[in-house]
Protein backbone atom coordinates (compact mmCIF):
# COMPACT_ATOMS: atom_id res chain seq x y z
CA UNK A 1 -113.92 13.75 -38.95
CA UNK A 2 -113.20 16.59 -41.00
CA UNK A 3 -110.49 16.95 -43.85
CA UNK A 4 -107.82 19.67 -43.91
CA UNK A 5 -107.71 22.16 -47.20
CA UNK A 6 -105.42 21.00 -48.62
CA UNK A 7 -107.69 17.66 -49.58
CA UNK A 8 -110.09 19.59 -50.66
CA UNK A 9 -109.20 20.91 -53.38
CA UNK A 10 -111.27 20.52 -56.40
CA UNK A 11 -114.03 19.30 -54.63
CA UNK A 12 -117.74 21.35 -54.28
CA UNK A 13 -118.07 20.25 -51.07
CA UNK A 14 -120.05 22.74 -48.70
CA UNK A 15 -118.61 21.04 -45.47
CA UNK A 16 -115.74 19.08 -45.03
CA UNK A 17 -116.36 15.75 -44.07
CA UNK A 18 -114.90 12.13 -44.40
CA UNK A 19 -116.66 8.50 -44.80
CA UNK A 20 -114.60 5.03 -43.01
CA UNK A 21 -116.22 2.53 -44.10
CA UNK A 22 -115.64 -0.15 -42.03
CA UNK A 23 -116.13 -4.19 -42.69
CA UNK A 24 -115.54 -7.49 -41.45
CA UNK A 25 -112.74 -10.03 -41.28
CA UNK A 26 -114.31 -11.75 -44.66
CA UNK A 27 -115.02 -15.24 -42.76
CA UNK A 28 -118.70 -16.50 -43.15
CA UNK A 29 -120.02 -16.66 -39.28
CA UNK A 30 -120.51 -20.41 -39.05
CA UNK A 31 -122.83 -22.74 -36.90
CA UNK A 32 -121.41 -24.07 -33.72
CA UNK A 33 -123.30 -26.81 -32.29
CA UNK A 34 -121.69 -26.30 -28.82
CA UNK A 35 -122.93 -23.11 -28.71
CA UNK A 36 -126.37 -23.61 -30.24
CA UNK A 37 -126.91 -26.59 -27.63
CA UNK A 38 -125.94 -23.85 -24.80
CA UNK A 39 -128.19 -21.19 -26.32
CA UNK A 40 -131.10 -22.75 -28.06
CA UNK A 41 -131.27 -25.47 -24.52
CA UNK A 42 -130.52 -28.67 -26.64
CA UNK A 43 -128.25 -31.93 -25.92
CA UNK A 44 -125.24 -32.45 -28.31
CA UNK A 45 -126.95 -35.05 -30.81
CA UNK A 46 -129.81 -32.65 -31.26
CA UNK A 47 -127.65 -29.43 -31.90
CA UNK A 48 -125.70 -31.59 -34.40
CA UNK A 49 -128.69 -32.50 -35.65
CA UNK A 50 -130.07 -28.91 -36.06
CA UNK A 51 -126.77 -27.29 -37.53
CA UNK A 52 -126.67 -30.18 -40.20
CA UNK A 53 -130.09 -28.87 -41.38
CA UNK A 54 -129.18 -25.31 -41.43
CA UNK A 55 -126.65 -25.83 -43.24
CA UNK A 56 -128.72 -27.80 -46.19
CA UNK A 57 -128.52 -31.37 -45.15
CA UNK A 58 -131.45 -33.45 -45.93
CA UNK A 59 -133.44 -35.25 -42.73
CA UNK A 60 -132.17 -38.59 -43.78
CA UNK A 61 -128.85 -37.74 -44.81
CA UNK A 62 -127.94 -35.19 -41.16
CA UNK A 63 -129.87 -39.25 -39.43
CA UNK A 64 -127.24 -41.07 -41.49
CA UNK A 65 -123.94 -38.60 -41.16
CA UNK A 66 -125.26 -38.41 -37.33
CA UNK A 67 -125.30 -42.99 -37.29
CA UNK A 68 -128.97 -42.78 -36.26
CA UNK A 69 -132.31 -44.21 -38.19
CA UNK A 70 -134.59 -41.86 -39.97
CA UNK A 71 -137.46 -42.45 -37.05
CA UNK A 72 -134.76 -41.45 -34.61
CA UNK A 73 -134.42 -38.35 -36.55
CA UNK A 74 -137.86 -37.05 -36.95
CA UNK A 75 -137.43 -37.57 -32.79
CA UNK A 76 -134.90 -35.89 -32.43
CA UNK A 77 -136.24 -33.15 -34.45
CA UNK A 78 -139.54 -32.79 -32.89
CA UNK A 79 -137.80 -32.68 -29.30
CA UNK A 80 -136.54 -30.13 -31.02
CA UNK A 81 -138.81 -28.53 -32.35
CA UNK A 82 -140.52 -28.36 -28.41
CA UNK A 83 -137.55 -27.37 -27.26
CA UNK A 84 -137.49 -23.81 -29.71
CA UNK A 85 -141.11 -24.35 -30.19
CA UNK A 86 -140.79 -23.73 -33.38
CA UNK A 87 -143.59 -26.10 -36.46
CA UNK A 88 -141.74 -26.15 -39.33
CA UNK A 89 -137.74 -27.26 -40.65
CA UNK A 90 -137.28 -23.89 -42.25
CA UNK A 91 -138.69 -21.72 -38.52
CA UNK A 92 -136.16 -23.84 -37.16
CA UNK A 93 -133.65 -23.19 -39.63
CA UNK A 94 -134.63 -19.64 -39.80
CA UNK A 95 -134.68 -19.78 -35.86
CA UNK A 96 -130.63 -20.52 -35.90
CA UNK A 97 -129.35 -18.17 -38.20
CA UNK A 98 -130.58 -15.29 -37.03
CA UNK A 99 -129.67 -16.02 -33.39
CA UNK A 100 -126.04 -16.62 -35.02
CA UNK A 101 -126.19 -13.55 -36.79
CA UNK A 102 -125.54 -15.52 -40.18
CA UNK A 103 -127.22 -13.76 -43.12
CA UNK A 104 -129.67 -16.35 -45.38
CA UNK A 105 -131.81 -16.26 -48.14
CA UNK A 106 -134.67 -17.72 -46.68
C-alpha cells in the first residue's frame, strides 16, 4: 500500500510501502465433538472420548466423565483408531488438532 509523502519525512526508505498486520480474534479454536463426529465419521460417544483425550484427559478419566468403564473406553478407542486410521493416542490427538487448525506442541 503506497504511503503519502507527508508520512515519509525522516524515513530512509527507497520505496514507499506499508505493512498491514492482521490478527485473529484472540480466541483459541476449540474442538467441538459434533464437528469431530461429522468430520471423522465417529459416533457421538466416540467423538466425545476423542475430544477429551485431545484436551489432555487420560483414558480412565475420560471414561469416568462419560459414565463408561475403562474397558468400554478402550473398546471405543480401538474403534476410533480403526475409523481414523491411527494406531496410538498421540497420533489421534495430532490428527484432531491438525484437522481443526489448533496449534499444539506435540
